[in-house]
Amino acid sequence: MRQATFETTYPEEAAHPFHRRMMEGGPVSRAELLIWGPTAEVTTLTWFDAAPSAVEDVLAAVESTTRTHLVAADGGTYAFVRQTDYELPDPVMDLVAASRVVFVPPLGFEDSGVVRFDAVGESDALGEFYADLADLFPTELRRVRAFRQWSAPAALTDRRREALEVAVAVGYYDVPRSGSVADVAAELDCSPSTAGELLRRAESTVLTAFVGGSDRAAPPSR
């Protein structure tokens, strides 16, 4: 089993309505589709890098929307959206339906027209999908690696998981960083050296699991 990262550039006329609105320019430059439903009545969760008012304007372009709920968080806005249709061109939907691969969230949308996503399948299925998609739109294969099940959360001890949660809460992983190891130590009621060791071991567990399948293989044939 392989996992491949693709970048497809959609022409404006073929892009999803909210992506098309992003491509016209405005505060929203990036969106990540985190969850989507497999049914005709589609429920999605998408994060946008802008305030709710800007996201409302982008989502207004989606005519099939029946319900929207916006939550400002994580430096942007989460949008829970109920749709009656995917609103993607038929050739795209036909290709997805016929493919022998599955798609791994998130799907990243950029205001340049680029959509970045991961697909998982056997090498021949990925190669076939790549060739078919490239026949529709400009597509680049960015990365191929072995697919492995995520097991990092279960591998963390409770104390290391707590250290990571505290580090996020105090801003240790903000960019730019707004919290320190000392802040983490204060919340955990331990010394800074202990807090630093907990974070290093937790980071090692999570990141090793995340890139554990990063061995690069030859791209699927087109």
C-alpha atoms as a PDB file:
ATOM      1  CA  MET A   1       0.000   0.000   0.000  1.00  0.00           C
ATOM      2  CA  ARG A   2       1.264   3.449  -0.942  1.00  0.00           C
ATOM      3  CA  GLN A   3       0.261   6.994  -0.048  1.00  0.00           C
ATOM      4  CA  ALA A   4       0.751   9.690  -2.676  1.00  0.00           C
ATOM      5  CA  THR A   5       0.507  13.472  -2.416  1.00  0.00           C
ATOM      6  CA  PHE A   6      -0.902  15.249  -5.465  1.00  0.00           C
ATOM      7  CA  GLU A   7      -1.209  18.901  -6.434  1.00  0.00           C
ATOM      8  CA  THR A   8      -3.848  19.716  -9.031  1.00  0.00           C
ATOM      9  CA  THR A   9      -4.403  23.178 -10.480  1.00  0.00           C
ATOM     10  CA  TYR A  10      -8.048  23.776 -11.256  1.00  0.00           C
ATOM     11  CA  PRO A  11      -9.093  26.280 -13.917  1.00  0.00           C
ATOM     12  CA  GLU A  12     -11.609  28.730 -12.502  1.00  0.00           C
ATOM     13  CA  GLU A  13     -14.532  27.259 -14.412  1.00  0.00           C
ATOM     14  CA  ALA A  14     -13.904  23.768 -12.974  1.00  0.00           C
ATOM     15  CA  ALA A  15     -13.217  24.716  -9.360  1.00  0.00           C
ATOM     16  CA  HIS A  16     -15.658  24.176  -6.525  1.00  0.00           C
ATOM     17  CA  PRO A  17     -17.768  27.344  -5.980  1.00  0.00           C
ATOM     18  CA  PHE A  18     -16.100  28.302  -2.679  1.00  0.00           C
ATOM     19  CA  HIS A  19     -12.671  27.686  -4.225  1.00  0.00           C
ATOM     20  CA  ARG A  20     -13.632  29.797  -7.224  1.00  0.00           C
ATOM     21  CA  ARG A  21     -14.584  32.639  -4.884  1.00  0.00           C
ATOM     22  CA  MET A  22     -11.209  32.294  -3.145  1.00  0.00           C
ATOM     23  CA  MET A  23      -9.449  32.525  -6.515  1.00  0.00           C
ATOM     24  CA  GLU A  24     -11.122  35.884  -7.166  1.00  0.00           C
ATOM     25  CA  GLY A  25      -9.070  37.423  -4.350  1.00  0.00           C
ATOM     26  CA  GLY A  26      -9.914  38.410  -0.803  1.00  0.00           C
ATOM     27  CA  PRO A  27      -9.054  37.645   2.833  1.00  0.00           C
ATOM     28  CA  VAL A  28      -9.359  33.855   2.428  1.00  0.00           C
ATOM     29  CA  SER A  29      -6.177  32.448   0.874  1.00  0.00           C
ATOM     30  CA  ARG A  30      -6.184  28.893   2.219  1.00  0.00           C
ATOM     31  CA  ALA A  31      -8.766  26.308   3.254  1.00  0.00           C
ATOM     32  CA  GLU A  32      -8.490  22.755   4.522  1.00  0.00           C
ATOM     33  CA  LEU A  33     -11.374  20.339   4.032  1.00  0.00           C
ATOM     34  CA  LEU A  34     -11.109  18.167   7.147  1.00  0.00           C
ATOM     35  CA  ILE A  35     -14.209  15.964   7.054  1.00  0.00           C
ATOM     36  CA  TRP A  36     -16.746  15.194   4.362  1.00  0.00           C
ATOM     37  CA  GLY A  37     -19.672  12.794   4.172  1.00  0.00           C
ATOM     38  CA  PRO A  38     -20.148  10.033   1.589  1.00  0.00           C
ATOM     39  CA  THR A  39     -23.874  10.639   1.130  1.00  0.00           C
ATOM     40  CA  ALA A  40     -25.831  12.857  -1.253  1.00  0.00           C
ATOM     41  CA  GLU A  41     -26.703  15.160   1.654  1.00  0.00           C
ATOM     42  CA  VAL A  42     -23.103  16.163   2.311  1.00  0.00           C
ATOM     43  CA  THR A  43     -21.902  17.460   5.686  1.00  0.00           C
ATOM     44  CA  THR A  44     -18.418  18.969   5.660  1.00  0.00           C
ATOM     45  CA  LEU A  45     -16.028  20.555   8.139  1.00  0.00           C
ATOM     46  CA  THR A  46     -13.563  23.012   6.621  1.00  0.00           C
ATOM     47  CA  TRP A  47     -11.023  25.346   8.200  1.00  0.00           C
ATOM     48  CA  PHE A  48     -10.396  28.728   6.532  1.00  0.00           C
ATOM     49  CA  ASP A  49      -7.526  31.129   7.262  1.00  0.00           C
ATOM     50  CA  ALA A  50      -9.778  34.155   7.750  1.00  0.00           C
ATOM     51  CA  ALA A  51     -12.438  35.646   9.993  1.00  0.00           C
ATOM     52  CA  PRO A  52     -16.044  34.378   9.963  1.00  0.00           C
ATOM     53  CA  SER A  53     -17.276  37.388   7.975  1.00  0.00           C
ATOM     54  CA  ALA A  54     -14.867  36.592   5.132  1.00  0.00           C
ATOM     55  CA  VAL A  55     -15.765  32.910   5.255  1.00  0.00           C
ATOM     56  CA  GLU A  56     -19.460  33.765   5.035  1.00  0.00           C
ATOM     57  CA  ASP A  57     -18.766  35.585   1.774  1.00  0.00           C
ATOM     58  CA  VAL A  58     -16.852  32.623   0.361  1.00  0.00           C
ATOM     59  CA  LEU A  59     -19.542  30.115   1.327  1.00  0.00           C
ATOM     60  CA  ALA A  60     -22.270  32.297  -0.175  1.00  0.00           C
ATOM     61  CA  ALA A  61     -21.034  31.056  -3.559  1.00  0.00           C
ATOM     62  CA  VAL A  62     -22.117  27.482  -2.710  1.00  0.00           C
ATOM     63  CA  GLU A  63     -25.709  27.353  -3.928  1.00  0.00           C
ATOM     64  CA  SER A  64     -26.375  23.859  -2.590  1.00  0.00           C
ATOM     65  CA  THR A  65     -25.757  24.927   1.029  1.00  0.00           C
ATOM     66  CA  THR A  66     -28.718  24.360   3.336  1.00  0.00           C
ATOM     67  CA  ARG A  67     -27.119  25.057   6.708  1.00  0.00           C
ATOM     68  CA  THR A  68     -23.883  26.688   7.916  1.00  0.00           C
ATOM     69  CA  HIS A  69     -22.340  27.083  11.348  1.00  0.00           C
ATOM     70  CA  LEU A  70     -19.081  29.017  11.790  1.00  0.00           C
ATOM     71  CA  VAL A  71     -16.664  28.813  14.731  1.00  0.00           C
ATOM     72  CA  ALA A  72     -13.662  31.142  15.048  1.00  0.00           C
ATOM     73  CA  ALA A  73     -10.659  29.120  16.283  1.00  0.00           C
ATOM     74  CA  ASP A  74      -7.023  28.246  15.596  1.00  0.00           C
ATOM     75  CA  GLY A  75      -6.252  31.504  13.830  1.00  0.00           C
ATOM     76  CA  GLY A  76      -9.117  31.178  11.382  1.00  0.00           C
ATOM     77  CA  THR A  77     -12.647  29.820  11.106  1.00  0.00           C
ATOM     78  CA  TYR A  78     -14.121  26.333  11.135  1.00  0.00           C
ATOM     79  CA  ALA A  79     -17.198  25.948   8.926  1.00  0.00           C
ATOM     80  CA  PHE A  80     -19.746  23.184   9.427  1.00  0.00           C
ATOM     81  CA  VAL A  81     -21.670  23.095   6.140  1.00  0.00           C
ATOM     82  CA  ARG A  82     -24.610  20.973   5.019  1.00  0.00           C
ATOM     83  CA  GLN A  83     -24.873  20.675   1.226  1.00  0.00           C
ATOM     84  CA  THR A  84     -27.234  18.842  -1.105  1.00  0.00           C
ATOM     85  CA  ASP A  85     -24.533  18.389  -3.753  1.00  0.00           C
ATOM     86  CA  TYR A  86     -20.737  18.221  -3.993  1.00  0.00           C
ATOM     87  CA  GLU A  87     -20.804  20.870  -6.769  1.00  0.00           C
ATOM     88  CA  LEU A  88     -17.761  19.541  -8.591  1.00  0.00           C
ATOM     89  CA  PRO A  89     -17.677  18.973 -12.369  1.00  0.00           C
ATOM     90  CA  ASP A  90     -19.063  15.631 -13.553  1.00  0.00           C
ATOM     91  CA  PRO A  91     -15.699  14.457 -14.976  1.00  0.00           C
ATOM     92  CA  VAL A  92     -14.116  14.905 -11.551  1.00  0.00           C
ATOM     93  CA  MET A  93     -16.910  13.076  -9.743  1.00  0.00           C
ATOM     94  CA  ASP A  94     -16.845  10.277 -12.335  1.00  0.00           C
ATOM     95  CA  LEU A  95     -13.088   9.890 -11.908  1.00  0.00           C
ATOM     96  CA  VAL A  96     -13.358   9.764  -8.110  1.00  0.00           C
ATOM     97  CA  ALA A  97     -16.204   7.239  -8.285  1.00  0.00           C
ATOM     98  CA  ALA A  98     -14.320   4.976 -10.687  1.00  0.00           C
ATOM     99  CA  SER A  99     -10.922   5.177  -8.986  1.00  0.00           C
ATOM    100  CA  ARG A 100      -9.494   2.366  -6.887  1.00  0.00           C
ATOM    101  CA  VAL A 101      -7.938   4.716  -4.326  1.00  0.00           C
ATOM    102  CA  VAL A 102      -9.213   6.412  -1.191  1.00  0.00           C
ATOM    103  CA  PHE A 103      -8.602  10.018  -0.169  1.00  0.00           C
ATOM    104  CA  VAL A 104      -7.052  11.036   3.140  1.00  0.00           C
ATOM    105  CA  PRO A 105      -7.967  14.350   4.777  1.00  0.00           C
ATOM    106  CA  PRO A 106      -7.218  17.159   4.780  1.00  0.00           C
ATOM    107  CA  LEU A 107      -7.699  18.469   1.255  1.00  0.00           C
ATOM    108  CA  GLY A 108      -5.924  21.813   0.925  1.00  0.00           C
ATOM    109  CA  PHE A 109      -7.293  24.617  -1.265  1.00  0.00           C
ATOM    110  CA  GLU A 110      -5.208  27.674  -2.181  1.00  0.00           C
ATOM    111  CA  ASP A 111      -6.306  30.919  -3.801  1.00  0.00           C
ATOM    112  CA  SER A 112      -3.882  30.168  -6.652  1.00  0.00           C
ATOM    113  CA  GLY A 113      -6.239  27.409  -7.808  1.00  0.00           C
ATOM    114  CA  VAL A 114      -4.109  24.578  -6.420  1.00  0.00           C
ATOM    115  CA  VAL A 115      -5.714  21.681  -4.561  1.00  0.00           C
ATOM    116  CA  ARG A 116      -3.335  19.494  -2.540  1.00  0.00           C
ATOM    117  CA  PHE A 117      -4.473  16.060  -1.337  1.00  0.00           C
ATOM    118  CA  ASP A 118      -3.334  12.556  -0.444  1.00  0.00           C
ATOM    119  CA  ALA A 119      -4.605   9.300  -1.931  1.00  0.00           C
ATOM    120  CA  VAL A 120      -3.965   5.759  -0.708  1.00  0.00           C
ATOM    121  CA  GLY A 121      -3.976   2.583  -2.773  1.00  0.00           C
ATOM    122  CA  GLU A 122      -1.813   0.059  -4.541  1.00  0.00           C
ATOM    123  CA  SER A 123       0.818   1.394  -6.920  1.00  0.00           C
ATOM    124  CA  ASP A 124      -1.031   0.494 -10.119  1.00  0.00           C
ATOM    125  CA  ALA A 125      -4.262   2.092  -8.862  1.00  0.00           C
ATOM    126  CA  LEU A 126      -2.430   5.284  -7.885  1.00  0.00           C
ATOM    127  CA  GLY A 127      -0.689   5.379 -11.241  1.00  0.00           C
ATOM    128  CA  GLU A 128      -3.973   4.963 -13.086  1.00  0.00           C
ATOM    129  CA  PHE A 129      -5.622   7.692 -11.023  1.00  0.00           C
ATOM    130  CA  TYR A 130      -2.671  10.032 -11.595  1.00  0.00           C
ATOM    131  CA  ALA A 131      -2.797   9.533 -15.355  1.00  0.00           C
ATOM    132  CA  ASP A 132      -6.556  10.071 -15.529  1.00  0.00           C
ATOM    133  CA  LEU A 133      -6.472  13.181 -13.353  1.00  0.00           C
ATOM    134  CA  ALA A 134      -3.562  14.661 -15.315  1.00  0.00           C
ATOM    135  CA  ASP A 135      -5.628  14.232 -18.476  1.00  0.00           C
ATOM    136  CA  LEU A 136      -8.241  16.539 -16.930  1.00  0.00           C
ATOM    137  CA  PHE A 137      -6.113  19.193 -15.187  1.00  0.00           C
ATOM    138  CA  PRO A 138      -2.439  20.047 -14.646  1.00  0.00           C
ATOM    139  CA  THR A 139      -1.354  17.652 -11.883  1.00  0.00           C
ATOM    140  CA  GLU A 140       1.950  17.051 -10.127  1.00  0.00           C
ATOM    141  CA  LEU A 141       2.940  14.103  -7.972  1.00  0.00           C
ATOM    142  CA  ARG A 142       4.711  15.590  -4.958  1.00  0.00           C
ATOM    143  CA  ARG A 143       5.476  12.587  -2.783  1.00  0.00           C
ATOM    144  CA  VAL A 144       5.044   8.817  -2.540  1.00  0.00           C
ATOM    145  CA  ARG A 145       5.647   6.746   0.578  1.00  0.00           C
ATOM    146  CA  ALA A 146       4.500   3.576   2.276  1.00  0.00           C
ATOM    147  CA  PHE A 147       1.102   3.858   3.924  1.00  0.00           C
ATOM    148  CA  ARG A 148       1.068   3.043   7.606  1.00  0.00           C
ATOM    149  CA  GLN A 149      -1.720   3.200  10.132  1.00  0.00           C
ATOM    150  CA  TRP A 150      -1.412   6.068  12.592  1.00  0.00           C
ATOM    151  CA  SER A 151      -0.698   4.737  16.057  1.00  0.00           C
ATOM    152  CA  ALA A 152       1.032   7.704  17.708  1.00  0.00           C
ATOM    153  CA  PRO A 153      -1.795   8.793  20.063  1.00  0.00           C
ATOM    154  CA  ALA A 154      -2.063   5.335  21.622  1.00  0.00           C
ATOM    155  CA  ALA A 155       1.729   5.176  22.012  1.00  0.00           C
ATOM    156  CA  LEU A 156       1.878   8.333  24.133  1.00  0.00           C
ATOM    157  CA  THR A 157       1.892   7.999  27.901  1.00  0.00           C
ATOM    158  CA  ASP A 158      -0.741  10.034  29.747  1.00  0.00           C
ATOM    159  CA  ARG A 159       1.934  12.374  31.111  1.00  0.00           C
ATOM    160  CA  ARG A 160       3.469  13.043  27.696  1.00  0.00           C
ATOM    161  CA  ARG A 161       0.032  13.602  26.160  1.00  0.00           C
ATOM    162  CA  GLU A 162      -0.724  16.058  28.966  1.00  0.00           C
ATOM    163  CA  ALA A 163       2.562  17.873  28.290  1.00  0.00           C
ATOM    164  CA  LEU A 164       1.652  18.293  24.612  1.00  0.00           C
ATOM    165  CA  GLU A 165      -1.844  19.513  25.457  1.00  0.00           C
ATOM    166  CA  VAL A 166      -0.445  22.056  27.914  1.00  0.00           C
ATOM    167  CA  ALA A 167       2.204  23.177  25.419  1.00  0.00           C
ATOM    168  CA  VAL A 168      -0.487  23.875  22.835  1.00  0.00           C
ATOM    169  CA  ALA A 169      -2.622  25.707  25.405  1.00  0.00           C
ATOM    170  CA  VAL A 170       0.194  28.029  26.558  1.00  0.00           C
ATOM    171  CA  GLY A 171       1.304  28.859  23.020  1.00  0.00           C
ATOM    172  CA  TYR A 172       4.523  26.860  22.927  1.00  0.00           C
ATOM    173  CA  TYR A 173       3.739  25.705  19.369  1.00  0.00           C
ATOM    174  CA  ASP A 174       2.379  29.035  18.164  1.00  0.00           C
ATOM    175  CA  VAL A 175       4.154  30.719  15.245  1.00  0.00           C
ATOM    176  CA  PRO A 176       5.743  32.898  16.472  1.00  0.00           C
ATOM    177  CA  ARG A 177       6.047  31.082  19.796  1.00  0.00           C
ATOM    178  CA  SER A 178       4.156  32.808  22.614  1.00  0.00           C
ATOM    179  CA  GLY A 179       4.794  30.310  25.418  1.00  0.00           C
ATOM    180  CA  SER A 180       7.909  28.729  26.880  1.00  0.00           C
ATOM    181  CA  VAL A 181       9.026  25.463  28.441  1.00  0.00           C
ATOM    182  CA  ALA A 182       8.892  27.286  31.764  1.00  0.00           C
ATOM    183  CA  ASP A 183       5.211  28.003  31.151  1.00  0.00           C
ATOM    184  CA  VAL A 184       4.603  24.324  30.432  1.00  0.00           C
ATOM    185  CA  ALA A 185       6.510  23.361  33.590  1.00  0.00           C
ATOM    186  CA  ALA A 186       4.422  25.746  35.697  1.00  0.00           C
ATOM    187  CA  GLU A 187       1.194  24.173  34.448  1.00  0.00           C
ATOM    188  CA  LEU A 188       2.513  20.653  34.969  1.00  0.00           C
ATOM    189  CA  ASP A 189       3.981  21.527  38.395  1.00  0.00           C
ATOM    190  CA  CYS A 190       7.401  20.192  37.492  1.00  0.00           C
ATOM    191  CA  SER A 191      10.847  21.551  36.698  1.00  0.00           C
ATOM    192  CA  PRO A 192      11.590  23.093  33.271  1.00  0.00           C
ATOM    193  CA  SER A 193      14.084  20.307  32.572  1.00  0.00           C
ATOM    194  CA  THR A 194      11.395  17.670  33.250  1.00  0.00           C
ATOM    195  CA  ALA A 195       8.882  19.530  31.078  1.00  0.00           C
ATOM    196  CA  GLY A 196      11.432  19.785  28.278  1.00  0.00           C
ATOM    197  CA  GLU A 197      12.168  16.061  28.484  1.00  0.00           C
ATOM    198  CA  LEU A 198       8.444  15.207  28.397  1.00  0.00           C
ATOM    199  CA  LEU A 199       7.954  17.363  25.310  1.00  0.00           C
ATOM    200  CA  ARG A 200      10.990  15.948  23.511  1.00  0.00           C
ATOM    201  CA  ARG A 201       9.888  12.360  24.112  1.00  0.00           C
ATOM    202  CA  ALA A 202       6.293  13.116  23.118  1.00  0.00           C
ATOM    203  CA  GLU A 203       7.435  14.918  19.973  1.00  0.00           C
ATOM    204  CA  SER A 204       9.716  12.007  19.102  1.00  0.00           C
ATOM    205  CA  THR A 205       6.831   9.525  19.434  1.00  0.00           C
ATOM    206  CA  VAL A 206       4.389  11.574  17.357  1.00  0.00           C
ATOM    207  CA  LEU A 207       6.803  12.669  14.638  1.00  0.00           C
ATOM    208  CA  THR A 208       8.422   9.258  14.244  1.00  0.00           C
ATOM    209  CA  ALA A 209       4.981   7.737  13.702  1.00  0.00           C
ATOM    210  CA  PHE A 210       4.005  10.521  11.308  1.00  0.00           C
ATOM    211  CA  VAL A 211       7.030  10.186   9.023  1.00  0.00           C
ATOM    212  CA  GLY A 212       7.565   6.483   9.601  1.00  0.00           C
ATOM    213  CA  GLY A 213       6.299   5.735   6.122  1.00  0.00           C
ATOM    214  CA  SER A 214       8.322   8.462   4.452  1.00  0.00           C
ATOM    215  CA  ASP A 215      10.556   6.144   2.440  1.00  0.00           C
ATOM    216  CA  ARG A 216      10.311   7.486  -1.065  1.00  0.00           C
ATOM    217  CA  ALA A 217       9.604   5.126  -3.906  1.00  0.00           C
ATOM    218  CA  ALA A 218       9.500   5.696  -7.621  1.00  0.00           C
ATOM    219  CA  PRO A 219       6.359   7.594  -8.632  1.00  0.00           C
ATOM    220  CA  PRO A 220       3.487   5.524 -10.016  1.00  0.00           C
ATOM    221  CA  SER A 221       3.804   5.196 -13.755  1.00  0.00           C
ATOM    222  CA  ARG A 222       1.574   7.445 -15.841  1.00  0.00           C
END
